[in-house]
Amino acid sequence: MKVKEIRDLIDYIKSTGLEEVNIETETFKVKIKRSSDVVSQPHFSPAPSLPQVAPQQASEPTSDGLTPMPKEVEDQKHITIKSPMIGTIYMAPNPESPDFLKVGDVIKPGDTVCVVEAMKLFNEIEAEVSGTVVKILVENANPVEYDQPLFLIDPS
């Protein structure tokens, strides 16, 4: 990532009021966090394996009308694959190709589950778990936030 791109990102954060932005690729990780109207210096570190996987918190229906599963059911059965960055999610490598996965598909670690575009970079998101796709929580070509639940996986 070039310094100008980082500066543009910081200016964007200032103009939108976002509190935190995390961008990860195979070669780098940028985390910019805002505190008291001051944007911290970008922090670079080697990118960890993607995506982060953790149980999802129970919440109200989202603005897109999707309702997450109740917390007690999800904690017992499902693993949530979350977005490792902000950007636009794409469910297929290109518009003419089939989706990377659909409900009922079996995945294993290393399988590409989607692509997230951030700052004109297309980042393939790979599964870190194996299991069956139970639910797709986002729609193609929509914006996603950092740590937003994307997929529910049944590991059994």
C-alpha atoms as a PDB file:
ATOM      1  CA  MET A   1       0.000   0.000   0.000  1.00  0.00           C
ATOM      2  CA  LYS A   2       1.366   3.389  -0.961  1.00  0.00           C
ATOM      3  CA  VAL A   3       1.654   6.317   1.432  1.00  0.00           C
ATOM      4  CA  LYS A   4      -0.766   8.377  -0.688  1.00  0.00           C
ATOM      5  CA  GLU A   5      -3.382   5.606  -0.395  1.00  0.00           C
ATOM      6  CA  ILE A   6      -2.944   5.571   3.390  1.00  0.00           C
ATOM      7  CA  ARG A   7      -3.298   9.362   3.549  1.00  0.00           C
ATOM      8  CA  ASP A   8      -6.418   9.174   1.362  1.00  0.00           C
ATOM      9  CA  LEU A   9      -7.822   6.523   3.700  1.00  0.00           C
ATOM     10  CA  ILE A  10      -7.140   8.704   6.739  1.00  0.00           C
ATOM     11  CA  ASP A  11      -8.847  11.667   5.033  1.00  0.00           C
ATOM     12  CA  TYR A  12     -11.812   9.442   4.202  1.00  0.00           C
ATOM     13  CA  ILE A  13     -12.080   8.306   7.827  1.00  0.00           C
ATOM     14  CA  LYS A  14     -12.021  11.928   8.999  1.00  0.00           C
ATOM     15  CA  SER A  15     -14.796  12.881   6.572  1.00  0.00           C
ATOM     16  CA  THR A  16     -17.084   9.929   7.388  1.00  0.00           C
ATOM     17  CA  GLY A  17     -16.688   9.789  11.151  1.00  0.00           C
ATOM     18  CA  LEU A  18     -15.712   6.106  11.150  1.00  0.00           C
ATOM     19  CA  GLU A  19     -13.970   5.074  14.371  1.00  0.00           C
ATOM     20  CA  GLU A  20     -11.801   2.248  13.064  1.00  0.00           C
ATOM     21  CA  VAL A  21     -10.715   0.745   9.742  1.00  0.00           C
ATOM     22  CA  ASN A  22      -8.831  -2.505   9.232  1.00  0.00           C
ATOM     23  CA  ILE A  23      -7.532  -3.631   5.851  1.00  0.00           C
ATOM     24  CA  GLU A  24      -5.777  -6.948   5.397  1.00  0.00           C
ATOM     25  CA  THR A  25      -4.237  -8.592   2.368  1.00  0.00           C
ATOM     26  CA  GLU A  26      -1.826 -11.476   1.985  1.00  0.00           C
ATOM     27  CA  THR A  27       1.131  -9.107   2.237  1.00  0.00           C
ATOM     28  CA  PHE A  28       0.109  -6.482   4.788  1.00  0.00           C
ATOM     29  CA  LYS A  29      -2.363  -5.361   7.423  1.00  0.00           C
ATOM     30  CA  VAL A  30      -3.357  -1.742   8.073  1.00  0.00           C
ATOM     31  CA  LYS A  31      -5.280  -0.718  11.174  1.00  0.00           C
ATOM     32  CA  ILE A  32      -6.323   2.891  11.624  1.00  0.00           C
ATOM     33  CA  LYS A  33      -8.200   3.781  14.785  1.00  0.00           C
ATOM     34  CA  ARG A  34      -9.639   7.150  15.664  1.00  0.00           C
ATOM     35  CA  SER A  35      -9.699   8.510  19.193  1.00  0.00           C
ATOM     36  CA  SER A  36     -11.022  11.940  20.234  1.00  0.00           C
ATOM     37  CA  ASP A  37     -11.111  13.178  16.635  1.00  0.00           C
ATOM     38  CA  VAL A  38      -7.451  12.210  16.156  1.00  0.00           C
ATOM     39  CA  VAL A  39      -6.581   9.469  13.689  1.00  0.00           C
ATOM     40  CA  SER A  40      -3.749   7.272  14.920  1.00  0.00           C
ATOM     41  CA  GLN A  41      -0.764   6.420  12.806  1.00  0.00           C
ATOM     42  CA  PRO A  42      -1.282   3.394  10.563  1.00  0.00           C
ATOM     43  CA  HIS A  43      -0.004   0.163  12.094  1.00  0.00           C
ATOM     44  CA  PHE A  44       1.560  -2.358   9.733  1.00  0.00           C
ATOM     45  CA  SER A  45       2.061  -6.002  10.566  1.00  0.00           C
ATOM     46  CA  PRO A  46       2.125  -9.264   8.629  1.00  0.00           C
ATOM     47  CA  ALA A  47      -1.402 -10.346   7.760  1.00  0.00           C
ATOM     48  CA  PRO A  48      -2.697 -13.201   9.912  1.00  0.00           C
ATOM     49  CA  SER A  49      -4.583 -16.024   8.288  1.00  0.00           C
ATOM     50  CA  LEU A  50      -8.004 -14.839   7.135  1.00  0.00           C
ATOM     51  CA  PRO A  51     -10.886 -14.646   8.041  1.00  0.00           C
ATOM     52  CA  GLN A  52     -11.392 -14.435  11.777  1.00  0.00           C
ATOM     53  CA  VAL A  53     -13.857 -17.015  12.966  1.00  0.00           C
ATOM     54  CA  ALA A  54     -15.836 -16.565  16.155  1.00  0.00           C
ATOM     55  CA  PRO A  55     -19.367 -17.050  17.454  1.00  0.00           C
ATOM     56  CA  GLN A  56     -21.651 -14.183  16.512  1.00  0.00           C
ATOM     57  CA  GLN A  57     -23.393 -12.035  19.121  1.00  0.00           C
ATOM     58  CA  ALA A  58     -27.195 -12.167  19.082  1.00  0.00           C
ATOM     59  CA  SER A  59     -28.695  -8.958  17.725  1.00  0.00           C
ATOM     60  CA  GLU A  60     -31.766  -7.307  16.317  1.00  0.00           C
ATOM     61  CA  PRO A  61     -32.682  -7.643  12.625  1.00  0.00           C
ATOM     62  CA  THR A  62     -30.215  -5.756  10.458  1.00  0.00           C
ATOM     63  CA  SER A  63     -31.082  -2.977   8.053  1.00  0.00           C
ATOM     64  CA  ASP A  64     -31.133  -5.473   5.159  1.00  0.00           C
ATOM     65  CA  GLY A  65     -33.857  -7.491   6.922  1.00  0.00           C
ATOM     66  CA  LEU A  66     -31.687 -10.494   7.755  1.00  0.00           C
ATOM     67  CA  THR A  67     -32.169 -11.760  11.314  1.00  0.00           C
ATOM     68  CA  PRO A  68     -29.255 -13.569  12.963  1.00  0.00           C
ATOM     69  CA  MET A  69     -29.891 -16.911  14.644  1.00  0.00           C
ATOM     70  CA  PRO A  70     -30.545 -16.817  18.405  1.00  0.00           C
ATOM     71  CA  LYS A  71     -27.290 -16.720  20.354  1.00  0.00           C
ATOM     72  CA  GLU A  72     -27.923 -19.899  22.351  1.00  0.00           C
ATOM     73  CA  VAL A  73     -28.553 -21.954  19.185  1.00  0.00           C
ATOM     74  CA  GLU A  74     -25.601 -20.513  17.351  1.00  0.00           C
ATOM     75  CA  ASP A  75     -23.164 -20.977  20.242  1.00  0.00           C
ATOM     76  CA  GLN A  76     -23.995 -24.662  20.332  1.00  0.00           C
ATOM     77  CA  LYS A  77     -23.900 -25.490  16.635  1.00  0.00           C
ATOM     78  CA  HIS A  78     -22.452 -22.894  14.283  1.00  0.00           C
ATOM     79  CA  ILE A  79     -19.264 -21.016  13.571  1.00  0.00           C
ATOM     80  CA  THR A  80     -19.506 -17.548  12.046  1.00  0.00           C
ATOM     81  CA  ILE A  81     -17.112 -16.455   9.318  1.00  0.00           C
ATOM     82  CA  LYS A  82     -16.726 -12.689   9.647  1.00  0.00           C
ATOM     83  CA  SER A  83     -15.398 -10.046   7.313  1.00  0.00           C
ATOM     84  CA  PRO A  84     -11.749  -9.269   8.010  1.00  0.00           C
ATOM     85  CA  MET A  85     -12.088  -5.773   6.488  1.00  0.00           C
ATOM     86  CA  ILE A  86     -14.461  -3.135   5.224  1.00  0.00           C
ATOM     87  CA  GLY A  87     -15.286  -3.126   1.541  1.00  0.00           C
ATOM     88  CA  THR A  88     -17.688  -4.572  -1.007  1.00  0.00           C
ATOM     89  CA  ILE A  89     -18.368  -8.304  -0.945  1.00  0.00           C
ATOM     90  CA  TYR A  90     -18.583 -10.384  -4.095  1.00  0.00           C
ATOM     91  CA  MET A  91     -19.850 -13.950  -3.968  1.00  0.00           C
ATOM     92  CA  ALA A  92     -18.231 -14.976  -7.290  1.00  0.00           C
ATOM     93  CA  PRO A  93     -14.847 -14.294  -8.911  1.00  0.00           C
ATOM     94  CA  ASN A  94     -16.595 -12.430 -11.761  1.00  0.00           C
ATOM     95  CA  PRO A  95     -20.188 -11.748 -12.870  1.00  0.00           C
ATOM     96  CA  GLU A  96     -20.249 -14.679 -15.325  1.00  0.00           C
ATOM     97  CA  SER A  97     -18.969 -17.276 -12.813  1.00  0.00           C
ATOM     98  CA  PRO A  98     -21.049 -19.239 -10.304  1.00  0.00           C
ATOM     99  CA  ASP A  99     -20.907 -18.223  -6.640  1.00  0.00           C
ATOM    100  CA  PHE A 100     -18.009 -19.537  -4.557  1.00  0.00           C
ATOM    101  CA  LEU A 101     -20.516 -21.298  -2.319  1.00  0.00           C
ATOM    102  CA  LYS A 102     -24.187 -21.792  -1.577  1.00  0.00           C
ATOM    103  CA  VAL A 103     -26.161 -23.121   1.376  1.00  0.00           C
ATOM    104  CA  GLY A 104     -25.450 -26.828   1.795  1.00  0.00           C
ATOM    105  CA  ASP A 105     -21.930 -26.716   0.328  1.00  0.00           C
ATOM    106  CA  VAL A 106     -19.172 -28.417   2.291  1.00  0.00           C
ATOM    107  CA  ILE A 107     -16.048 -26.300   2.786  1.00  0.00           C
ATOM    108  CA  LYS A 108     -12.581 -27.002   4.140  1.00  0.00           C
ATOM    109  CA  PRO A 109      -9.760 -24.732   5.314  1.00  0.00           C
ATOM    110  CA  GLY A 110      -8.241 -22.844   2.395  1.00  0.00           C
ATOM    111  CA  ASP A 111     -11.404 -22.802   0.266  1.00  0.00           C
ATOM    112  CA  THR A 112     -12.250 -19.347  -1.081  1.00  0.00           C
ATOM    113  CA  VAL A 113     -15.661 -18.311   0.279  1.00  0.00           C
ATOM    114  CA  CYS A 114     -15.927 -14.790  -1.204  1.00  0.00           C
ATOM    115  CA  VAL A 115     -13.972 -11.742  -2.360  1.00  0.00           C
ATOM    116  CA  VAL A 116     -13.937  -8.391  -0.546  1.00  0.00           C
ATOM    117  CA  GLU A 117     -12.917  -5.346  -2.554  1.00  0.00           C
ATOM    118  CA  ALA A 118     -11.215  -2.623  -0.537  1.00  0.00           C
ATOM    119  CA  MET A 119      -9.607   0.394  -2.196  1.00  0.00           C
ATOM    120  CA  LYS A 120      -9.653  -1.315  -5.605  1.00  0.00           C
ATOM    121  CA  LEU A 121      -7.876  -4.381  -4.208  1.00  0.00           C
ATOM    122  CA  PHE A 122      -9.745  -7.678  -4.488  1.00  0.00           C
ATOM    123  CA  ASN A 123      -9.024  -9.856  -1.450  1.00  0.00           C
ATOM    124  CA  GLU A 124      -9.961 -13.534  -1.553  1.00  0.00           C
ATOM    125  CA  ILE A 125     -11.383 -14.615   1.802  1.00  0.00           C
ATOM    126  CA  GLU A 126     -10.542 -18.203   2.676  1.00  0.00           C
ATOM    127  CA  ALA A 127     -12.229 -20.525   5.139  1.00  0.00           C
ATOM    128  CA  GLU A 128     -10.302 -21.440   8.259  1.00  0.00           C
ATOM    129  CA  VAL A 129     -12.752 -24.163   9.265  1.00  0.00           C
ATOM    130  CA  SER A 130     -14.371 -27.139   7.645  1.00  0.00           C
ATOM    131  CA  GLY A 131     -18.082 -27.782   7.682  1.00  0.00           C
ATOM    132  CA  THR A 132     -21.347 -27.196   5.876  1.00  0.00           C
ATOM    133  CA  VAL A 133     -22.641 -23.751   4.911  1.00  0.00           C
ATOM    134  CA  VAL A 134     -25.857 -23.227   6.891  1.00  0.00           C
ATOM    135  CA  LYS A 135     -26.656 -19.616   6.020  1.00  0.00           C
ATOM    136  CA  ILE A 136     -25.286 -16.793   3.879  1.00  0.00           C
ATOM    137  CA  LEU A 137     -25.811 -13.571   5.842  1.00  0.00           C
ATOM    138  CA  VAL A 138     -24.895 -10.996   3.160  1.00  0.00           C
ATOM    139  CA  GLU A 139     -25.887 -10.255  -0.408  1.00  0.00           C
ATOM    140  CA  ASN A 140     -23.604  -9.975  -3.418  1.00  0.00           C
ATOM    141  CA  ALA A 141     -22.102  -6.563  -4.264  1.00  0.00           C
ATOM    142  CA  ASN A 142     -23.135  -4.997  -0.938  1.00  0.00           C
ATOM    143  CA  PRO A 143     -20.867  -3.141   1.470  1.00  0.00           C
ATOM    144  CA  VAL A 144     -19.577  -5.040   4.496  1.00  0.00           C
ATOM    145  CA  GLU A 145     -18.014  -3.757   7.701  1.00  0.00           C
ATOM    146  CA  TYR A 146     -15.030  -5.088   9.605  1.00  0.00           C
ATOM    147  CA  ASP A 147     -16.060  -8.092  11.742  1.00  0.00           C
ATOM    148  CA  GLN A 148     -19.513  -8.310  10.098  1.00  0.00           C
ATOM    149  CA  PRO A 149     -20.884 -11.875  10.036  1.00  0.00           C
ATOM    150  CA  LEU A 150     -20.851 -13.293   6.490  1.00  0.00           C
ATOM    151  CA  PHE A 151     -21.576 -17.020   6.748  1.00  0.00           C
ATOM    152  CA  LEU A 152     -22.779 -19.547   9.321  1.00  0.00           C
ATOM    153  CA  ILE A 153     -20.939 -22.869   9.188  1.00  0.00           C
ATOM    154  CA  ASP A 154     -21.983 -26.138  10.834  1.00  0.00           C
ATOM    155  CA  PRO A 155     -18.705 -27.819  11.770  1.00  0.00           C
ATOM    156  CA  SER A 156     -20.242 -31.244  12.483  1.00  0.00           C
END
